[in-house]
N, C-alpha and C. Protein backbone atom coordinates (compact mmCIF):
# COMPACT_ATOMS: atom_id res chain seq x y z
N ILE A 1 0.84 -1.18 0.00
CA ILE A 1 0.00 0.00 0.00
C ILE A 1 0.88 1.24 0.00
N LYS A 2 0.62 2.11 -0.94
CA LYS A 2 1.37 3.36 -1.03
C LYS A 2 0.65 4.42 -0.19
N HIS A 3 1.37 5.02 0.76
CA HIS A 3 0.79 6.06 1.60
C HIS A 3 1.20 7.43 1.08
N LYS A 4 0.28 8.34 1.16
CA LYS A 4 0.54 9.70 0.72
C LYS A 4 0.80 10.59 1.92
N LYS A 5 1.65 11.58 1.74
CA LYS A 5 1.92 12.53 2.80
C LYS A 5 0.69 13.41 3.00
N ILE A 6 0.34 13.64 4.25
CA ILE A 6 -0.85 14.41 4.59
C ILE A 6 -0.43 15.76 5.15
N LYS A 7 -1.01 16.82 4.61
CA LYS A 7 -0.75 18.16 5.15
C LYS A 7 -1.42 18.28 6.52
N GLN A 8 -0.80 19.01 7.40
CA GLN A 8 -1.42 19.28 8.69
C GLN A 8 -2.64 20.17 8.49
N LEU A 9 -3.68 19.92 9.23
CA LEU A 9 -4.91 20.68 9.06
C LEU A 9 -4.77 22.14 9.45
N GLY A 10 -4.23 22.40 10.62
CA GLY A 10 -4.05 23.79 11.05
C GLY A 10 -5.34 24.58 11.01
N ASN A 11 -5.23 25.86 10.75
CA ASN A 11 -6.40 26.72 10.70
C ASN A 11 -7.13 26.58 9.37
N SER A 12 -8.41 26.74 9.41
CA SER A 12 -9.24 26.66 8.22
C SER A 12 -9.12 27.96 7.42
N SER A 13 -9.02 27.82 6.11
CA SER A 13 -8.95 29.00 5.25
C SER A 13 -10.34 29.35 4.72
N PRO A 14 -10.52 30.54 4.18
CA PRO A 14 -11.81 30.89 3.57
C PRO A 14 -12.22 29.91 2.47
N LYS A 15 -11.22 29.40 1.72
CA LYS A 15 -11.50 28.42 0.67
C LYS A 15 -12.10 27.14 1.29
N ASP A 16 -11.53 26.69 2.43
CA ASP A 16 -12.05 25.51 3.12
C ASP A 16 -13.50 25.73 3.53
N LYS A 17 -13.78 26.91 4.07
CA LYS A 17 -15.14 27.21 4.53
C LYS A 17 -16.11 27.27 3.36
N LYS A 18 -15.67 27.81 2.24
CA LYS A 18 -16.51 27.87 1.04
C LYS A 18 -16.81 26.46 0.52
N GLU A 19 -15.76 25.62 0.49
CA GLU A 19 -15.96 24.24 0.03
C GLU A 19 -16.85 23.46 0.99
N ALA A 20 -16.68 23.68 2.29
CA ALA A 20 -17.50 23.00 3.28
C ALA A 20 -18.97 23.39 3.11
N LYS A 21 -19.24 24.67 2.86
CA LYS A 21 -20.61 25.14 2.64
C LYS A 21 -21.20 24.52 1.37
N ALA A 22 -20.41 24.45 0.30
CA ALA A 22 -20.87 23.85 -0.96
C ALA A 22 -21.19 22.37 -0.77
N MET A 23 -20.34 21.67 -0.02
CA MET A 23 -20.58 20.24 0.23
C MET A 23 -21.83 20.04 1.09
N ASN A 24 -22.04 20.95 2.02
CA ASN A 24 -23.24 20.89 2.86
C ASN A 24 -24.49 20.95 1.98
N GLU A 25 -24.50 21.89 1.07
CA GLU A 25 -25.64 22.03 0.15
C GLU A 25 -25.79 20.81 -0.75
N LEU A 26 -24.68 20.28 -1.23
CA LEU A 26 -24.70 19.10 -2.09
C LEU A 26 -25.33 17.91 -1.38
N PHE A 27 -24.89 17.66 -0.15
CA PHE A 27 -25.40 16.51 0.58
C PHE A 27 -26.86 16.67 0.99
N LYS A 28 -27.27 17.87 1.31
CA LYS A 28 -28.69 18.10 1.61
C LYS A 28 -29.54 17.80 0.39
N LYS A 29 -29.05 18.24 -0.77
CA LYS A 29 -29.76 18.07 -2.03
C LYS A 29 -29.87 16.59 -2.43
N LEU A 30 -28.83 15.80 -2.11
CA LEU A 30 -28.77 14.41 -2.55
C LEU A 30 -28.92 13.41 -1.41
N ASP A 31 -29.64 13.81 -0.39
CA ASP A 31 -29.84 12.97 0.80
C ASP A 31 -30.41 11.59 0.46
N ASN A 32 -31.28 11.52 -0.51
CA ASN A 32 -31.92 10.24 -0.86
C ASN A 32 -31.46 9.70 -2.21
N HIS A 33 -30.29 10.11 -2.66
CA HIS A 33 -29.78 9.67 -3.97
C HIS A 33 -29.52 8.15 -3.96
N LYS A 34 -29.65 7.53 -5.13
CA LYS A 34 -29.48 6.08 -5.26
C LYS A 34 -28.06 5.61 -4.95
N ILE A 35 -27.09 6.52 -4.94
CA ILE A 35 -25.72 6.11 -4.66
C ILE A 35 -25.58 5.44 -3.30
N TRP A 36 -26.39 5.88 -2.31
CA TRP A 36 -26.27 5.32 -0.96
C TRP A 36 -26.66 3.84 -0.97
N LYS A 37 -27.72 3.49 -1.69
CA LYS A 37 -28.13 2.09 -1.80
C LYS A 37 -27.07 1.29 -2.55
N GLU A 38 -26.57 1.86 -3.64
CA GLU A 38 -25.53 1.18 -4.43
C GLU A 38 -24.29 0.91 -3.59
N LEU A 39 -23.83 1.92 -2.85
CA LEU A 39 -22.65 1.74 -2.00
C LEU A 39 -22.93 0.73 -0.89
N GLY A 40 -24.15 0.75 -0.36
CA GLY A 40 -24.53 -0.20 0.68
C GLY A 40 -24.51 -1.64 0.20
N GLU A 41 -24.75 -1.84 -1.08
CA GLU A 41 -24.72 -3.20 -1.64
C GLU A 41 -23.29 -3.67 -1.90
N ILE A 42 -22.36 -2.73 -2.06
CA ILE A 42 -20.96 -3.07 -2.33
C ILE A 42 -20.15 -3.18 -1.04
N CYS A 43 -20.34 -2.20 -0.15
CA CYS A 43 -19.55 -2.09 1.08
C CYS A 43 -19.76 -3.32 1.97
N ILE A 44 -18.66 -3.85 2.52
CA ILE A 44 -18.75 -5.00 3.42
C ILE A 44 -18.65 -4.57 4.89
N ALA A 45 -18.65 -3.27 5.13
CA ALA A 45 -18.64 -2.70 6.49
C ALA A 45 -17.49 -3.21 7.35
N CYS A 46 -16.31 -3.32 6.73
CA CYS A 46 -15.14 -3.80 7.47
C CYS A 46 -14.54 -2.71 8.36
N GLY A 47 -14.79 -1.43 8.02
CA GLY A 47 -14.29 -0.33 8.82
C GLY A 47 -12.86 0.09 8.53
N LYS A 48 -12.22 -0.55 7.55
CA LYS A 48 -10.83 -0.20 7.24
C LYS A 48 -10.69 1.28 6.89
N CYS A 49 -11.66 1.81 6.14
CA CYS A 49 -11.58 3.22 5.72
C CYS A 49 -11.53 4.16 6.92
N SER A 50 -12.36 3.89 7.90
CA SER A 50 -12.39 4.79 9.06
C SER A 50 -11.18 4.59 9.97
N ILE A 51 -10.61 3.39 9.97
CA ILE A 51 -9.44 3.14 10.80
C ILE A 51 -8.22 3.88 10.26
N VAL A 52 -8.06 3.96 8.93
CA VAL A 52 -6.89 4.64 8.35
C VAL A 52 -7.12 6.13 8.15
N CYS A 53 -8.34 6.60 8.30
CA CYS A 53 -8.65 8.00 8.06
C CYS A 53 -8.03 8.89 9.15
N PRO A 54 -7.25 9.90 8.74
CA PRO A 54 -6.63 10.77 9.74
C PRO A 54 -7.61 11.71 10.45
N THR A 55 -8.86 11.80 9.98
CA THR A 55 -9.81 12.69 10.65
C THR A 55 -10.91 11.94 11.39
N CYS A 56 -10.94 10.60 11.30
CA CYS A 56 -11.94 9.84 12.07
C CYS A 56 -11.50 9.78 13.54
N PHE A 57 -12.46 9.98 14.41
CA PHE A 57 -12.12 10.01 15.84
C PHE A 57 -13.14 9.29 16.71
N CYS A 58 -13.93 8.40 16.13
CA CYS A 58 -14.94 7.68 16.91
C CYS A 58 -14.30 6.58 17.75
N PHE A 59 -14.87 6.36 18.91
CA PHE A 59 -14.35 5.35 19.81
C PHE A 59 -15.49 4.78 20.66
N ASP A 60 -15.21 3.67 21.28
CA ASP A 60 -16.13 3.02 22.22
C ASP A 60 -15.41 2.88 23.55
N PHE A 61 -16.17 2.53 24.58
CA PHE A 61 -15.59 2.20 25.87
C PHE A 61 -15.79 0.72 26.12
N ASP A 62 -14.79 0.10 26.72
CA ASP A 62 -14.86 -1.30 27.09
C ASP A 62 -14.55 -1.38 28.58
N ASP A 63 -15.49 -1.88 29.36
CA ASP A 63 -15.28 -1.99 30.79
C ASP A 63 -14.81 -3.39 31.15
N GLU A 64 -13.67 -3.46 31.84
CA GLU A 64 -13.15 -4.72 32.36
C GLU A 64 -13.37 -4.71 33.86
N ILE A 65 -14.16 -5.64 34.33
CA ILE A 65 -14.50 -5.67 35.75
C ILE A 65 -14.15 -7.03 36.32
N SER A 66 -13.39 -7.02 37.41
CA SER A 66 -13.05 -8.25 38.11
C SER A 66 -13.16 -7.98 39.61
N PRO A 67 -13.12 -9.00 40.44
CA PRO A 67 -13.24 -8.76 41.89
C PRO A 67 -12.13 -7.88 42.46
N THR A 68 -10.98 -7.83 41.79
CA THR A 68 -9.86 -7.07 42.34
C THR A 68 -9.55 -5.78 41.60
N LYS A 69 -10.09 -5.63 40.40
CA LYS A 69 -9.71 -4.47 39.60
C LYS A 69 -10.81 -4.15 38.59
N SER A 70 -11.03 -2.86 38.41
CA SER A 70 -11.95 -2.41 37.36
C SER A 70 -11.21 -1.42 36.48
N CYS A 71 -11.50 -1.48 35.20
CA CYS A 71 -10.79 -0.61 34.27
C CYS A 71 -11.72 -0.27 33.11
N ARG A 72 -11.71 0.98 32.72
CA ARG A 72 -12.45 1.41 31.54
C ARG A 72 -11.43 1.78 30.47
N ASN A 73 -11.53 1.11 29.33
CA ASN A 73 -10.61 1.36 28.22
C ASN A 73 -11.33 2.05 27.09
N ARG A 74 -10.67 3.02 26.52
CA ARG A 74 -11.18 3.67 25.33
C ARG A 74 -10.57 2.93 24.14
N ILE A 75 -11.43 2.40 23.28
CA ILE A 75 -10.94 1.62 22.15
C ILE A 75 -11.46 2.22 20.85
N TRP A 76 -10.68 2.02 19.79
CA TRP A 76 -11.03 2.55 18.47
C TRP A 76 -12.38 1.99 18.07
N GLY A 77 -13.22 2.83 17.51
CA GLY A 77 -14.53 2.41 17.03
C GLY A 77 -14.69 2.81 15.58
N SER A 78 -15.71 2.31 14.97
CA SER A 78 -15.99 2.67 13.58
C SER A 78 -17.49 2.68 13.39
N CYS A 79 -17.98 3.72 12.72
CA CYS A 79 -19.41 3.81 12.44
C CYS A 79 -19.84 2.75 11.43
N PHE A 80 -18.90 2.00 10.88
CA PHE A 80 -19.25 0.92 9.96
C PHE A 80 -19.62 -0.36 10.70
N TYR A 81 -19.22 -0.48 11.96
CA TYR A 81 -19.55 -1.67 12.73
C TYR A 81 -21.01 -1.61 13.18
N GLN A 82 -21.72 -2.70 13.00
CA GLN A 82 -23.15 -2.70 13.29
C GLN A 82 -23.45 -2.31 14.74
N ASP A 83 -22.61 -2.71 15.67
CA ASP A 83 -22.86 -2.39 17.08
C ASP A 83 -22.59 -0.93 17.43
N PHE A 84 -22.02 -0.16 16.50
CA PHE A 84 -21.64 1.22 16.81
C PHE A 84 -22.83 2.06 17.28
N THR A 85 -24.01 1.86 16.70
CA THR A 85 -25.18 2.66 17.10
C THR A 85 -26.15 1.87 17.97
N LYS A 86 -25.69 0.76 18.53
CA LYS A 86 -26.56 -0.05 19.39
C LYS A 86 -26.75 0.64 20.74
N ILE A 87 -27.99 0.67 21.19
CA ILE A 87 -28.29 1.28 22.48
C ILE A 87 -28.94 0.23 23.39
N ALA A 88 -29.24 0.63 24.60
CA ALA A 88 -29.88 -0.28 25.55
C ALA A 88 -31.13 -0.89 24.93
N GLY A 89 -31.33 -2.15 25.19
CA GLY A 89 -32.47 -2.85 24.61
C GLY A 89 -32.14 -3.50 23.28
N GLY A 90 -30.91 -3.25 22.79
CA GLY A 90 -30.45 -3.88 21.56
C GLY A 90 -30.85 -3.20 20.27
N TYR A 91 -31.51 -2.03 20.35
CA TYR A 91 -31.90 -1.33 19.13
C TYR A 91 -30.67 -0.75 18.44
N VAL A 92 -30.60 -0.91 17.11
CA VAL A 92 -29.49 -0.38 16.32
C VAL A 92 -30.04 0.69 15.38
N PHE A 93 -29.54 1.92 15.52
CA PHE A 93 -30.03 3.04 14.71
C PHE A 93 -29.67 2.90 13.23
N LYS A 94 -28.49 2.39 12.96
CA LYS A 94 -28.01 2.26 11.58
C LYS A 94 -27.80 0.77 11.29
N ASP A 95 -28.88 0.05 11.05
CA ASP A 95 -28.75 -1.39 10.88
C ASP A 95 -28.39 -1.80 9.45
N LYS A 96 -28.57 -0.91 8.49
CA LYS A 96 -28.23 -1.22 7.10
C LYS A 96 -26.87 -0.60 6.74
N VAL A 97 -26.10 -1.33 5.96
CA VAL A 97 -24.78 -0.84 5.54
C VAL A 97 -24.93 0.48 4.78
N ALA A 98 -25.95 0.59 3.95
CA ALA A 98 -26.17 1.83 3.19
C ALA A 98 -26.33 3.03 4.13
N ASP A 99 -27.02 2.83 5.25
CA ASP A 99 -27.19 3.91 6.23
C ASP A 99 -25.86 4.27 6.88
N ARG A 100 -25.02 3.26 7.13
CA ARG A 100 -23.75 3.51 7.80
C ARG A 100 -22.75 4.22 6.87
N ILE A 101 -22.71 3.83 5.60
CA ILE A 101 -21.77 4.50 4.68
C ILE A 101 -22.23 5.95 4.43
N LYS A 102 -23.53 6.14 4.33
CA LYS A 102 -24.06 7.50 4.17
C LYS A 102 -23.72 8.34 5.41
N PHE A 103 -23.85 7.75 6.58
CA PHE A 103 -23.52 8.42 7.83
C PHE A 103 -22.05 8.86 7.83
N TRP A 104 -21.17 7.99 7.33
CA TRP A 104 -19.74 8.30 7.30
C TRP A 104 -19.48 9.49 6.38
N TYR A 105 -20.08 9.47 5.21
CA TYR A 105 -19.92 10.59 4.27
C TYR A 105 -20.50 11.87 4.88
N MET A 106 -21.66 11.77 5.50
CA MET A 106 -22.29 12.94 6.11
C MET A 106 -21.42 13.50 7.23
N HIS A 107 -20.79 12.61 7.97
CA HIS A 107 -19.90 13.03 9.04
C HIS A 107 -18.74 13.85 8.47
N LYS A 108 -18.15 13.35 7.38
CA LYS A 108 -17.01 14.01 6.74
C LYS A 108 -17.39 15.35 6.12
N PHE A 109 -18.56 15.38 5.49
CA PHE A 109 -18.90 16.55 4.66
C PHE A 109 -20.02 17.43 5.22
N LEU A 110 -20.64 17.03 6.32
CA LEU A 110 -21.66 17.88 6.94
C LEU A 110 -21.35 18.18 8.41
N ARG A 111 -21.16 17.13 9.20
CA ARG A 111 -21.00 17.33 10.65
C ARG A 111 -19.69 18.04 10.99
N ILE A 112 -18.58 17.53 10.50
CA ILE A 112 -17.29 18.15 10.82
C ILE A 112 -17.23 19.59 10.30
N PRO A 113 -17.67 19.85 9.05
CA PRO A 113 -17.67 21.26 8.61
C PRO A 113 -18.54 22.16 9.48
N LYS A 114 -19.68 21.64 9.91
CA LYS A 114 -20.57 22.45 10.76
C LYS A 114 -19.88 22.78 12.09
N GLU A 115 -19.19 21.79 12.66
CA GLU A 115 -18.56 21.99 13.97
C GLU A 115 -17.22 22.73 13.89
N TYR A 116 -16.46 22.50 12.81
CA TYR A 116 -15.09 23.03 12.75
C TYR A 116 -14.84 24.00 11.60
N GLY A 117 -15.80 24.16 10.69
CA GLY A 117 -15.65 25.10 9.59
C GLY A 117 -14.72 24.63 8.48
N MET A 118 -14.42 23.34 8.45
CA MET A 118 -13.59 22.77 7.39
C MET A 118 -14.07 21.35 7.11
N LEU A 119 -13.74 20.85 5.94
CA LEU A 119 -14.15 19.51 5.58
C LEU A 119 -13.49 18.47 6.48
N GLY A 120 -14.17 17.36 6.68
CA GLY A 120 -13.62 16.26 7.47
C GLY A 120 -12.87 15.27 6.61
N CYS A 121 -12.59 15.64 5.39
CA CYS A 121 -11.83 14.80 4.46
C CYS A 121 -10.66 15.62 3.96
N VAL A 122 -9.45 15.10 4.17
CA VAL A 122 -8.26 15.82 3.72
C VAL A 122 -7.79 15.34 2.34
N LYS A 123 -8.60 14.50 1.71
CA LYS A 123 -8.36 14.00 0.34
C LYS A 123 -7.05 13.24 0.20
N CYS A 124 -6.68 12.51 1.24
CA CYS A 124 -5.44 11.74 1.21
C CYS A 124 -5.58 10.45 0.42
N GLY A 125 -6.80 9.93 0.30
CA GLY A 125 -7.03 8.71 -0.46
C GLY A 125 -6.75 7.42 0.27
N ARG A 126 -6.41 7.50 1.55
CA ARG A 126 -6.13 6.28 2.32
C ARG A 126 -7.32 5.33 2.34
N CYS A 127 -8.53 5.88 2.46
CA CYS A 127 -9.72 5.04 2.53
C CYS A 127 -9.87 4.20 1.26
N ALA A 128 -9.65 4.82 0.11
CA ALA A 128 -9.74 4.10 -1.17
C ALA A 128 -8.60 3.10 -1.30
N ASP A 129 -7.42 3.45 -0.80
CA ASP A 129 -6.27 2.55 -0.89
C ASP A 129 -6.51 1.23 -0.15
N VAL A 130 -7.20 1.28 0.99
CA VAL A 130 -7.37 0.06 1.79
C VAL A 130 -8.71 -0.65 1.58
N CYS A 131 -9.60 -0.04 0.83
CA CYS A 131 -10.94 -0.62 0.66
C CYS A 131 -10.86 -1.93 -0.14
N PRO A 132 -11.29 -3.05 0.46
CA PRO A 132 -11.22 -4.32 -0.25
C PRO A 132 -12.19 -4.43 -1.43
N VAL A 133 -13.20 -3.55 -1.48
CA VAL A 133 -14.16 -3.58 -2.60
C VAL A 133 -14.02 -2.34 -3.48
N GLU A 134 -12.92 -1.61 -3.28
CA GLU A 134 -12.52 -0.48 -4.13
C GLU A 134 -13.51 0.69 -4.18
N ILE A 135 -14.11 1.00 -3.04
CA ILE A 135 -14.95 2.20 -2.95
C ILE A 135 -14.02 3.39 -2.85
N ASP A 136 -14.25 4.39 -3.70
CA ASP A 136 -13.37 5.55 -3.76
C ASP A 136 -14.18 6.81 -3.44
N ILE A 137 -13.92 7.39 -2.28
CA ILE A 137 -14.67 8.56 -1.82
C ILE A 137 -14.56 9.72 -2.81
N LYS A 138 -13.38 9.92 -3.40
CA LYS A 138 -13.21 11.03 -4.34
C LYS A 138 -14.07 10.83 -5.58
N ALA A 139 -14.10 9.60 -6.10
CA ALA A 139 -14.92 9.30 -7.28
C ALA A 139 -16.40 9.46 -6.95
N ASN A 140 -16.80 9.08 -5.76
CA ASN A 140 -18.21 9.20 -5.37
C ASN A 140 -18.63 10.66 -5.19
N ILE A 141 -17.75 11.47 -4.63
CA ILE A 141 -18.05 12.89 -4.49
C ILE A 141 -18.16 13.52 -5.88
N LYS A 142 -17.24 13.16 -6.76
CA LYS A 142 -17.27 13.67 -8.14
C LYS A 142 -18.59 13.28 -8.80
N ARG A 143 -19.02 12.06 -8.60
CA ARG A 143 -20.29 11.58 -9.17
C ARG A 143 -21.48 12.36 -8.61
N LEU A 144 -21.49 12.59 -7.31
CA LEU A 144 -22.56 13.34 -6.68
C LEU A 144 -22.60 14.78 -7.21
N LYS A 145 -21.43 15.38 -7.37
CA LYS A 145 -21.37 16.75 -7.90
C LYS A 145 -21.90 16.77 -9.33
N LYS A 146 -21.58 15.75 -10.10
CA LYS A 146 -22.02 15.70 -11.50
C LYS A 146 -23.54 15.59 -11.59
N VAL A 147 -24.15 14.71 -10.79
CA VAL A 147 -25.60 14.53 -10.88
C VAL A 147 -26.36 15.75 -10.32
N SER A 148 -25.69 16.49 -9.44
CA SER A 148 -26.37 17.66 -8.86
C SER A 148 -26.21 18.90 -9.73
N GLY A 149 -25.28 18.80 -10.71
CA GLY A 149 -25.02 19.96 -11.54
C GLY A 149 -24.02 20.93 -10.94
N SER A 150 -23.36 20.50 -9.84
CA SER A 150 -22.35 21.36 -9.20
C SER A 150 -21.11 21.44 -10.08
N VAL A 151 -20.44 22.56 -10.03
CA VAL A 151 -19.21 22.77 -10.77
C VAL A 151 -18.05 22.26 -9.93
N GLU A 152 -17.10 21.59 -10.56
CA GLU A 152 -15.93 21.09 -9.83
C GLU A 152 -14.84 22.11 -9.78
């Protein structure tokens, strides 16, 4: 696997904020686009993309309890794992792979920009490099922009 050098994020520039706003509009417009179902049929929800992503920061807690010691560990999590959205009673908010991949894209292009004013994707391509089914986030964004009529 060839790794690419990643620029440090640092402060957000006006260009970043403009792109984040454009992506926000794009995703709102294409919330129910057929691409999400198509990707859900391809994706095997292995989570490799989120594990190698330099901007993913989701985690779970694992409690180890014994008669002599208790410990809470913070462990890497992925929104692609089915248990990621499981709550008490066993209900899973994102039980379909299509919902989970859409959630990941929305996190990168809607949630992070809303909270930080910059995109949650640094365009390093690591996710596409490790994807066993060759899902390419850059190609999918390009496709979404094309169907929406957005200019690249």
